């Protein structure tokens, strides 16, 4: 990318949009907090993964080398609880759901991180960090617990912009009697015989959640590194605590950006205007969505809203993505015999809008413009294929050579729905028939009723 068009990124730490300037222009380093593996991935997990995968794809067009690290949390109280409920070893839970998560993300064309560290592989580094915090009087041990003493770090709250009262109210940490201060957070906790634990200077125990990323970022990327990110819910307390731990040990205590220079956070996913929650029964799992929609359709829908904004997941969002993907594949197939130049030569204007804080909705608008342009009589096929090639590579779409092939499973599903619709019509249950018809349309299926019966085809 030319120097005239720098990549600009909204930095949560400064609260401003800033020009991205790599610490080492030859090697950009990114870390994003991955999932806690005890259940199936939902679209909130998927949005984070897709956003950062798109960021990495884009930055690899600009920088000669980009290293992307995204971790797996495989030790956590929720994991322990799930293992106890199912009466299985913890590794049975974590290995199962790590594989499921990675498989689900692969369906969405999320490239595997260069490094995917697991928390349990870095326990010695976590213990080393905690020991140093105690030695420097930033942490203390009490009743088998080790806690970070928040008042000792004057820059606490710089990332989240929270004052003292807000820090305590939003800390999510139990106000235990052994705490010196209500805002203090756990670095290490004791384990019972039924819980997993590791030898430490404070007895058999396990790390607090916040400790792991400080240890893993230092080990995998070194400090400082360029971009740290994750979902907006991690700003406080998780990322705030990471800064405190790292700036009081390996980084500079007076410079919060000496740990990570830029902080990037994606917004929440809501479902038809409501917060996604178990209590509301509206959690949408990737595996369930993937049964009805191609992974690239789901991916494009997740990118349809700017990453910093909330994304309201509804039928309209997925329908529009499905419609656009089908049109793009039709164009791609039609351009199969057109020869193009190197996609990175004199063609970067096609993704210039992404340089403004990863503006994916703007790039999707450009895709719609390509569809309109292609349908006009004066369309230039070489130019369109050049642009489409680069745009699709950074958005992670148009990568499935078998997209237009219909699986037997899908055919059987549609045939079954068509049969049920016909039965409903014969029974004069037009409400059910119309509902099934709408479902078919949502799946990209066009139906044609005649005196000979009902025929269907995929809409392209």
Protein backbone atom coordinates (compact mmCIF):
# COMPACT_ATOMS: atom_id res chain seq x y z
CA UNK A 1 0.00 0.00 0.00
CA UNK A 2 1.33 3.40 -0.89
CA UNK A 3 2.44 5.80 1.83
CA UNK A 4 -0.19 8.29 0.60
CA UNK A 5 -2.90 6.01 1.89
CA UNK A 6 -2.03 4.78 5.36
CA UNK A 7 -4.12 2.29 7.28
CA UNK A 8 -6.07 4.07 10.00
CA UNK A 9 -7.32 2.23 13.06
CA UNK A 10 -9.48 3.34 15.98
CA UNK A 11 -7.33 2.84 19.07
CA UNK A 12 -9.40 2.07 22.17
CA UNK A 13 -6.47 3.17 24.35
CA UNK A 14 -6.32 6.71 22.98
CA UNK A 15 -9.98 6.94 22.02
CA UNK A 16 -8.99 8.23 18.59
CA UNK A 17 -8.57 6.99 15.06
CA UNK A 18 -4.82 6.79 14.41
CA UNK A 19 -2.48 6.04 11.57
CA UNK A 20 -1.13 2.51 11.98
CA UNK A 21 2.64 2.67 12.29
CA UNK A 22 4.22 -0.71 12.90
CA UNK A 23 6.92 -1.01 15.55
CA UNK A 24 8.87 -2.92 12.91
CA UNK A 25 7.66 -1.98 9.38
CA UNK A 26 8.90 -5.35 8.14
CA UNK A 27 6.96 -7.41 10.70
CA UNK A 28 3.56 -6.49 12.13
CA UNK A 29 2.43 -8.45 15.22
CA UNK A 30 -1.20 -9.00 16.25
CA UNK A 31 -2.81 -10.79 19.20
CA UNK A 32 -6.54 -11.39 19.64
CA UNK A 33 -8.19 -13.14 22.58
CA UNK A 34 -9.78 -16.39 21.44
CA UNK A 35 -12.53 -18.55 22.95
CA UNK A 36 -12.92 -20.34 26.25
CA UNK A 37 -13.58 -23.88 25.03
CA UNK A 38 -16.42 -25.53 26.92
CA UNK A 39 -19.32 -25.23 24.49
CA UNK A 40 -20.18 -24.70 20.83
CA UNK A 41 -19.15 -21.45 19.14
CA UNK A 42 -21.91 -18.88 18.65
CA UNK A 43 -22.02 -16.02 16.17
CA UNK A 44 -20.58 -13.64 18.76
CA UNK A 45 -17.43 -15.80 18.86
CA UNK A 46 -17.52 -16.00 15.08
CA UNK A 47 -17.74 -12.24 14.60
CA UNK A 48 -14.50 -11.69 16.52
CA UNK A 49 -12.73 -14.41 14.54
CA UNK A 50 -13.99 -13.14 11.17
CA UNK A 51 -13.20 -9.49 11.95
CA UNK A 52 -9.60 -10.21 12.94
CA UNK A 53 -9.11 -12.66 10.10
CA UNK A 54 -10.23 -9.89 7.71
CA UNK A 55 -7.86 -7.44 9.42
CA UNK A 56 -4.96 -9.87 9.05
CA UNK A 57 -5.80 -10.56 5.40
CA UNK A 58 -5.86 -6.81 4.72
CA UNK A 59 -2.62 -6.03 6.55
CA UNK A 60 -0.85 -8.83 4.68
CA UNK A 61 -1.48 -6.83 1.50
CA UNK A 62 0.36 -3.91 3.11
CA UNK A 63 3.13 -5.45 5.23
CA UNK A 64 5.76 -7.99 4.13
CA UNK A 65 5.19 -10.11 7.24
CA UNK A 66 2.29 -10.32 9.68
CA UNK A 67 2.27 -12.70 12.65
CA UNK A 68 -1.16 -13.37 14.09
CA UNK A 69 -1.64 -15.04 17.48
CA UNK A 70 -5.04 -15.98 18.89
CA UNK A 71 -5.23 -18.11 22.00
CA UNK A 72 -7.39 -20.87 23.39
CA UNK A 73 -8.45 -20.65 27.05
CA UNK A 74 -8.47 -24.27 28.17
CA UNK A 75 -8.45 -23.73 31.94
CA UNK A 76 -11.38 -21.85 33.44
CA UNK A 77 -14.06 -22.38 36.09
CA UNK A 78 -16.73 -22.80 33.39
CA UNK A 79 -14.68 -25.60 31.84
CA UNK A 80 -14.23 -27.26 35.23
CA UNK A 81 -17.97 -27.01 35.88
CA UNK A 82 -18.80 -28.55 32.49
CA UNK A 83 -16.38 -31.42 33.08
CA UNK A 84 -17.87 -32.13 36.51
CA UNK A 85 -21.42 -32.06 35.15
CA UNK A 86 -20.50 -34.54 32.41
CA UNK A 87 -18.23 -36.58 34.70
CA UNK A 88 -15.32 -36.48 32.26
CA UNK A 89 -11.73 -35.27 32.29
CA UNK A 90 -11.24 -31.60 31.54
CA UNK A 91 -9.17 -32.41 28.46
CA UNK A 92 -12.17 -34.29 27.05
CA UNK A 93 -14.07 -31.01 27.12
CA UNK A 94 -11.29 -28.72 25.92
CA UNK A 95 -9.99 -30.94 23.12
CA UNK A 96 -13.50 -31.59 21.83
CA UNK A 97 -14.56 -27.95 21.72
CA UNK A 98 -11.22 -26.65 20.48
CA UNK A 99 -11.60 -28.91 17.46
CA UNK A 100 -15.23 -27.90 16.99
CA UNK A 101 -14.33 -24.21 17.22
CA UNK A 102 -11.53 -24.53 14.66
CA UNK A 103 -13.71 -26.60 12.34
CA UNK A 104 -16.54 -24.07 12.60
CA UNK A 105 -14.21 -21.16 11.87
CA UNK A 106 -12.78 -23.05 8.89
CA UNK A 107 -16.31 -23.20 7.46
CA UNK A 108 -16.29 -19.38 7.60
CA UNK A 109 -12.94 -19.26 5.77
CA UNK A 110 -11.14 -18.03 8.90
CA UNK A 111 -7.48 -18.80 8.37
CA UNK A 112 -5.74 -20.59 11.23
CA UNK A 113 -3.70 -18.18 13.38
CA UNK A 114 0.06 -18.42 12.91
CA UNK A 115 0.17 -19.41 16.58
CA UNK A 116 -2.75 -20.69 18.66
CA UNK A 117 -1.37 -21.04 22.19
CA UNK A 118 -3.30 -22.91 24.85
CA UNK A 119 -3.28 -21.49 28.35
CA UNK A 120 -2.29 -24.79 29.99
CA UNK A 121 0.91 -24.84 27.92
CA UNK A 122 2.13 -21.61 29.55
CA UNK A 123 1.65 -22.24 33.28
CA UNK A 124 5.42 -21.84 34.08
CA UNK A 125 5.43 -18.44 32.35
CA UNK A 126 2.36 -17.38 34.32
CA UNK A 127 3.95 -18.41 37.61
CA UNK A 128 7.09 -16.51 36.68
CA UNK A 129 5.04 -13.37 35.98
CA UNK A 130 3.18 -13.66 39.29
CA UNK A 131 6.41 -14.15 41.24
CA UNK A 132 7.81 -10.96 39.71
CA UNK A 133 4.65 -9.00 40.57
CA UNK A 134 4.93 -10.12 44.20
CA UNK A 135 8.63 -9.26 44.35
CA UNK A 136 7.90 -5.76 43.05
CA UNK A 137 5.03 -5.29 45.56
CA UNK A 138 2.30 -5.12 42.94
CA UNK A 139 0.72 -8.35 44.16
CA UNK A 140 0.26 -10.24 47.42
CA UNK A 141 -0.56 -13.75 48.61
CA UNK A 142 -3.41 -14.44 50.99
CA UNK A 143 -5.03 -17.76 51.92
CA UNK A 144 -3.58 -19.54 48.90
CA UNK A 145 -4.70 -16.78 46.53
CA UNK A 146 -2.43 -14.30 44.82
CA UNK A 147 -4.01 -10.98 43.93
CA UNK A 148 -2.90 -7.95 41.98
CA UNK A 149 -3.18 -4.85 44.18
CA UNK A 150 -4.84 -2.35 41.85
CA UNK A 151 -4.00 0.86 43.79
CA UNK A 152 -0.28 0.21 43.15
CA UNK A 153 -0.74 0.82 39.42
CA UNK A 154 -1.59 4.45 38.78
CA UNK A 155 -2.57 3.98 35.12
CA UNK A 156 -5.29 1.46 35.90
CA UNK A 157 -8.42 2.48 33.99
CA UNK A 158 -6.66 4.17 31.07
CA UNK A 159 -7.97 1.67 28.52
CA UNK A 160 -11.57 1.45 29.72
CA UNK A 161 -11.80 5.11 30.83
CA UNK A 162 -13.39 3.91 34.08
CA UNK A 163 -13.07 5.81 37.34
CA UNK A 164 -12.48 4.18 40.70
CA UNK A 165 -16.17 3.48 41.49
CA UNK A 166 -16.82 2.10 37.99
CA UNK A 167 -13.82 -0.18 38.28
CA UNK A 168 -15.14 -1.76 41.46
CA UNK A 169 -18.70 -2.04 40.16
CA UNK A 170 -17.66 -3.66 36.90
CA UNK A 171 -14.76 -5.80 38.04
CA UNK A 172 -16.75 -9.08 37.95
CA UNK A 173 -14.50 -10.23 40.77
CA UNK A 174 -15.87 -11.52 44.07
CA UNK A 175 -15.22 -9.11 46.93
CA UNK A 176 -13.54 -11.65 49.18
CA UNK A 177 -12.56 -10.84 52.79
CA UNK A 178 -8.86 -11.47 52.08
CA UNK A 179 -8.66 -8.65 49.51
CA UNK A 180 -6.77 -5.51 50.45
CA UNK A 181 -8.89 -3.53 48.01
CA UNK A 182 -12.27 -4.36 46.40
CA UNK A 183 -10.81 -3.83 42.89
CA UNK A 184 -7.95 -6.31 43.39
CA UNK A 185 -8.10 -9.23 40.98
CA UNK A 186 -6.95 -12.84 41.19
CA UNK A 187 -3.69 -13.95 39.58
CA UNK A 188 -3.64 -17.42 41.14
CA UNK A 189 -6.21 -19.44 43.07
CA UNK A 190 -6.01 -22.69 45.07
CA UNK A 191 -7.42 -25.93 43.65
CA UNK A 192 -9.25 -28.68 45.50
CA UNK A 193 -8.52 -32.35 44.89
CA UNK A 194 -11.38 -32.43 42.36
CA UNK A 195 -10.07 -29.44 40.44
CA UNK A 196 -7.08 -29.27 38.08
CA UNK A 197 -4.01 -27.73 39.63
CA UNK A 198 -0.30 -27.13 39.23
CA UNK A 199 2.55 -26.87 41.71
CA UNK A 200 3.40 -23.29 42.60
CA UNK A 201 5.10 -21.29 45.39
CA UNK A 202 1.58 -20.82 46.82
CA UNK A 203 0.49 -24.45 46.73
CA UNK A 204 -1.48 -26.49 44.22
CA UNK A 205 -3.57 -24.12 42.19
CA UNK A 206 -4.43 -22.65 38.83
CA UNK A 207 -4.07 -19.25 37.17
CA UNK A 208 -6.65 -16.51 37.06
CA UNK A 209 -8.11 -15.83 33.62
CA UNK A 210 -6.33 -12.50 33.12
CA UNK A 211 -2.88 -13.91 33.81
CA UNK A 212 -2.72 -16.14 30.76
CA UNK A 213 -2.70 -13.54 27.99
CA UNK A 214 0.04 -11.44 29.60
CA UNK A 215 2.24 -14.54 29.70
CA UNK A 216 1.36 -15.78 26.22
CA UNK A 217 1.76 -12.46 24.40
CA UNK A 218 5.24 -11.99 25.83
CA UNK A 219 6.28 -15.54 24.96
CA UNK A 220 4.82 -15.67 21.43
CA UNK A 221 5.27 -12.11 20.19
CA UNK A 222 7.61 -10.31 22.56
CA UNK A 223 6.90 -6.86 23.97
CA UNK A 224 5.82 -4.44 22.78
CA UNK A 225 3.70 -5.70 19.90
CA UNK A 226 1.47 -3.78 17.53
CA UNK A 227 -2.22 -4.66 17.86
CA UNK A 228 -4.17 -6.33 20.67
CA UNK A 229 -7.83 -7.04 20.21
CA UNK A 230 -10.96 -8.94 21.00
CA UNK A 231 -14.63 -8.37 21.73
CA UNK A 232 -15.74 -5.13 23.38
CA UNK A 233 -16.72 -7.07 26.51
CA UNK A 234 -13.01 -7.76 27.14
CA UNK A 235 -12.00 -4.10 27.51
CA UNK A 236 -12.80 -4.26 31.22
CA UNK A 237 -11.66 -6.03 33.22
CA UNK A 238 -9.69 -8.48 31.07
CA UNK A 239 -7.63 -6.17 28.87
CA UNK A 240 -7.32 -3.55 31.58
CA UNK A 241 -5.84 -6.20 33.84
CA UNK A 242 -3.47 -7.41 31.13
CA UNK A 243 -2.02 -3.92 30.80
CA UNK A 244 -1.59 -3.65 34.56
CA UNK A 245 0.19 -7.02 34.85
CA UNK A 246 2.49 -6.46 31.90
CA UNK A 247 3.33 -2.81 32.54
CA UNK A 248 4.29 -3.68 36.10
CA UNK A 249 6.67 -6.41 34.88
CA UNK A 250 8.00 -6.58 31.31
CA UNK A 251 6.71 -3.30 29.87
CA UNK A 252 6.97 0.27 31.16
CA UNK A 253 4.85 1.14 34.18
CA UNK A 254 4.39 4.72 32.99
CA UNK A 255 3.42 3.87 29.40
CA UNK A 256 0.32 1.68 28.90
CA UNK A 257 1.11 1.41 25.17
CA UNK A 258 4.47 -0.19 25.94
CA UNK A 259 2.61 -3.51 26.17
CA UNK A 260 0.51 -3.21 23.01
CA UNK A 261 0.56 -0.07 20.87
CA UNK A 262 -2.99 -0.26 19.47
CA UNK A 263 -6.13 -1.78 20.97
CA UNK A 264 -8.98 -2.89 18.72
CA UNK A 265 -12.40 -4.12 19.86
CA UNK A 266 -15.41 -5.37 17.92
CA UNK A 267 -19.01 -4.67 18.92
CA UNK A 268 -21.65 -7.06 20.20
CA UNK A 269 -24.09 -9.19 18.22
CA UNK A 270 -27.78 -8.84 19.03
CA UNK A 271 -30.60 -11.06 17.79
CA UNK A 272 -33.56 -9.17 16.34
CA UNK A 273 -32.74 -6.24 18.58
CA UNK A 274 -32.27 -8.28 21.76
CA UNK A 275 -29.11 -9.20 23.64
CA UNK A 276 -27.96 -12.74 22.93
CA UNK A 277 -28.43 -14.72 26.16
CA UNK A 278 -29.20 -18.22 27.40
CA UNK A 279 -32.09 -16.86 29.45
CA UNK A 280 -33.73 -15.56 26.28
CA UNK A 281 -33.06 -18.77 24.37
CA UNK A 282 -31.75 -16.82 21.39
CA UNK A 283 -28.12 -17.93 21.19
CA UNK A 284 -27.33 -18.81 17.57
CA UNK A 285 -24.62 -21.42 17.09
CA UNK A 286 -22.32 -21.48 14.07
CA UNK A 287 -22.91 -25.20 13.57
CA UNK A 288 -26.68 -24.66 13.30
CA UNK A 289 -26.34 -21.73 10.89
CA UNK A 290 -23.93 -23.72 8.73
CA UNK A 291 -26.60 -26.38 8.19
CA UNK A 292 -28.71 -23.87 6.26
CA UNK A 293 -26.21 -21.37 4.86
CA UNK A 294 -22.86 -21.55 3.15
CA UNK A 295 -20.04 -20.40 5.44
CA UNK A 296 -19.18 -17.50 3.12
CA UNK A 297 -22.76 -16.23 3.41
CA UNK A 298 -22.45 -16.24 7.20
CA UNK A 299 -19.05 -14.55 6.95
CA UNK A 300 -20.30 -11.78 4.68
CA UNK A 301 -23.28 -11.19 6.97
CA UNK A 302 -20.91 -10.84 9.95
CA UNK A 303 -18.95 -8.19 8.02
CA UNK A 304 -22.03 -6.24 6.92
CA UNK A 305 -21.85 -3.92 9.93
CA UNK A 306 -18.73 -1.95 10.85
CA UNK A 307 -16.73 -3.97 13.35
CA UNK A 308 -16.88 -1.28 16.07
CA UNK A 309 -20.66 -1.07 15.82
CA UNK A 310 -23.17 -3.61 17.04
CA UNK A 311 -24.48 -6.16 14.55
CA UNK A 312 -28.16 -7.02 14.73
CA UNK A 313 -28.57 -10.54 13.37
CA UNK A 314 -31.88 -11.05 11.60
CA UNK A 315 -33.36 -12.66 8.49
CA UNK A 316 -32.75 -9.56 6.38
CA UNK A 317 -29.01 -9.55 7.10
CA UNK A 318 -28.48 -13.19 6.16
CA UNK A 319 -30.84 -12.97 3.17
CA UNK A 320 -28.96 -9.99 1.69
CA UNK A 321 -25.62 -11.73 2.17
CA UNK A 322 -26.95 -14.90 0.57
CA UNK A 323 -28.30 -12.98 -2.41
CA UNK A 324 -25.05 -11.09 -2.97
CA UNK A 325 -22.81 -14.16 -2.64
CA UNK A 326 -24.86 -16.01 -5.25
CA UNK A 327 -24.61 -13.09 -7.69
CA UNK A 328 -20.86 -12.81 -7.13
CA UNK A 329 -20.30 -16.50 -7.81
CA UNK A 330 -22.31 -16.17 -11.01
CA UNK A 331 -20.01 -13.34 -12.12
CA UNK A 332 -16.91 -15.21 -10.99
CA UNK A 333 -17.90 -18.28 -13.00
CA UNK A 334 -18.69 -16.14 -16.04
CA UNK A 335 -15.24 -14.51 -15.82
CA UNK A 336 -13.44 -17.83 -15.56
CA UNK A 337 -11.76 -17.48 -18.97
CA UNK A 338 -10.74 -13.84 -18.46
CA UNK A 339 -7.01 -13.36 -17.80
CA UNK A 340 -6.10 -10.79 -15.14
CA UNK A 341 -2.92 -9.09 -14.01
CA UNK A 342 -1.30 -9.53 -10.61
CA UNK A 343 -4.02 -8.53 -8.13
CA UNK A 344 -1.55 -6.49 -6.08
CA UNK A 345 -0.32 -4.37 -9.00
CA UNK A 346 -1.98 -0.99 -9.63
CA UNK A 347 -5.19 -2.33 -8.18
CA UNK A 348 -5.10 -1.46 -4.49
CA UNK A 349 -7.69 1.27 -4.97
CA UNK A 350 -10.24 -1.56 -5.00
CA UNK A 351 -9.79 -2.03 -1.25
CA UNK A 352 -8.87 1.57 -0.36
CA UNK A 353 -12.01 1.96 1.75
CA UNK A 354 -10.70 -0.72 4.13
CA UNK A 355 -7.79 1.58 4.96
CA UNK A 356 -10.27 3.67 6.93
CA UNK A 357 -10.60 1.55 10.08
CA UNK A 358 -11.47 -1.68 8.26
CA UNK A 359 -14.65 -0.32 6.68
CA UNK A 360 -16.14 -3.62 5.49
CA UNK A 361 -19.68 -2.24 4.89
CA UNK A 362 -18.12 0.24 2.45
CA UNK A 363 -16.36 -2.60 0.64
CA UNK A 364 -19.57 -4.61 0.47
CA UNK A 365 -21.18 -1.57 -1.16
CA UNK A 366 -18.37 -1.73 -3.72
CA UNK A 367 -19.27 -5.39 -4.35
CA UNK A 368 -22.86 -4.37 -5.04
CA UNK A 369 -21.55 -1.70 -7.41
CA UNK A 370 -19.57 -4.38 -9.25
CA UNK A 371 -22.76 -6.43 -9.68
CA UNK A 372 -24.54 -3.40 -11.15
CA UNK A 373 -21.59 -2.53 -13.35
CA UNK A 374 -21.28 -6.09 -14.61
CA UNK A 375 -24.92 -6.11 -15.62
CA UNK A 376 -24.45 -2.98 -17.74
CA UNK A 377 -23.55 -3.22 -21.40
CA UNK A 378 -20.25 -1.32 -21.09
CA UNK A 379 -18.74 -3.42 -18.29
CA UNK A 380 -15.00 -4.05 -18.50
CA UNK A 381 -14.46 -7.67 -17.59
CA UNK A 382 -10.70 -7.54 -16.96
CA UNK A 383 -11.07 -4.56 -14.63
CA UNK A 384 -13.96 -6.17 -12.82
CA UNK A 385 -12.14 -9.47 -12.36
CA UNK A 386 -9.07 -7.64 -11.04
CA UNK A 387 -11.13 -5.75 -8.49
CA UNK A 388 -13.23 -8.75 -7.53
CA UNK A 389 -10.13 -10.89 -7.07
CA UNK A 390 -8.52 -8.54 -4.56
CA UNK A 391 -11.73 -7.69 -2.71
CA UNK A 392 -12.71 -11.33 -2.33
CA UNK A 393 -9.22 -12.26 -1.08
CA UNK A 394 -9.33 -9.76 1.80
CA UNK A 395 -12.98 -10.42 2.64
CA UNK A 396 -12.41 -14.19 2.57
CA UNK A 397 -15.13 -15.02 0.05
CA UNK A 398 -15.42 -16.65 -3.40
CA UNK A 399 -12.95 -19.35 -2.36
CA UNK A 400 -15.20 -22.41 -2.79
CA UNK A 401 -14.77 -24.04 -6.20
CA UNK A 402 -17.77 -26.29 -5.49
CA UNK A 403 -20.12 -23.48 -4.40
CA UNK A 404 -22.70 -24.11 -7.12
CA UNK A 405 -22.69 -27.85 -6.60
CA UNK A 406 -25.70 -28.99 -4.62
CA UNK A 407 -25.10 -31.72 -2.07
CA UNK A 408 -27.43 -34.69 -1.83
CA UNK A 409 -28.15 -33.72 1.75
CA UNK A 410 -29.27 -30.25 0.67
CA UNK A 411 -31.33 -31.66 -2.21
CA UNK A 412 -33.10 -34.05 0.16
CA UNK A 413 -33.78 -31.24 2.60
CA UNK A 414 -35.33 -29.01 -0.08
CA UNK A 415 -37.35 -31.88 -1.59
CA UNK A 416 -38.73 -32.66 1.86
CA UNK A 417 -39.72 -29.00 2.42
CA UNK A 418 -41.36 -28.82 -1.03
CA UNK A 419 -43.32 -32.00 -0.28
CA UNK A 420 -44.53 -30.64 3.08
CA UNK A 421 -45.55 -27.40 1.40
CA UNK A 422 -47.56 -29.31 -1.21
CA UNK A 423 -49.26 -31.35 1.51
CA UNK A 424 -50.11 -28.17 3.41
CA UNK A 425 -51.62 -26.61 0.27
CA UNK A 426 -53.67 -29.75 -0.42
CA UNK A 427 -54.97 -29.54 3.16
CA UNK A 428 -55.74 -25.84 2.62
CA UNK A 429 -53.26 -24.98 5.38
CA UNK A 430 -52.05 -21.93 3.51
CA UNK A 431 -50.40 -20.38 6.55
CA UNK A 432 -48.00 -23.34 6.83
CA UNK A 433 -47.49 -23.44 3.06
CA UNK A 434 -46.57 -19.75 2.98
CA UNK A 435 -44.22 -20.17 5.93
CA UNK A 436 -42.37 -23.02 4.16
CA UNK A 437 -42.24 -20.97 0.95
CA UNK A 438 -40.60 -18.10 2.87
CA UNK A 439 -38.09 -20.53 4.35
CA UNK A 440 -37.22 -21.79 0.87
CA UNK A 441 -36.73 -18.25 -0.39
CA UNK A 442 -34.48 -17.55 2.59
CA UNK A 443 -32.37 -20.55 1.57
CA UNK A 444 -31.99 -19.10 -1.92
CA UNK A 445 -34.45 -21.53 -3.51
CA UNK A 446 -36.79 -20.47 -6.30
CA UNK A 447 -40.00 -22.54 -6.62
CA UNK A 448 -42.35 -22.84 -9.58
CA UNK A 449 -45.83 -24.32 -9.17
CA UNK A 450 -47.58 -25.80 -12.18
CA UNK A 451 -50.27 -28.36 -13.01
CA UNK A 452 -47.51 -30.96 -13.16
CA UNK A 453 -46.36 -30.22 -9.61
CA UNK A 454 -43.67 -28.03 -8.04
CA UNK A 455 -40.17 -27.59 -9.41
CA UNK A 456 -37.33 -25.78 -7.67
CA UNK A 457 -33.90 -24.39 -8.41
CA UNK A 458 -31.25 -22.33 -6.63
CA UNK A 459 -31.45 -18.63 -7.39
CA UNK A 460 -28.16 -17.29 -8.79
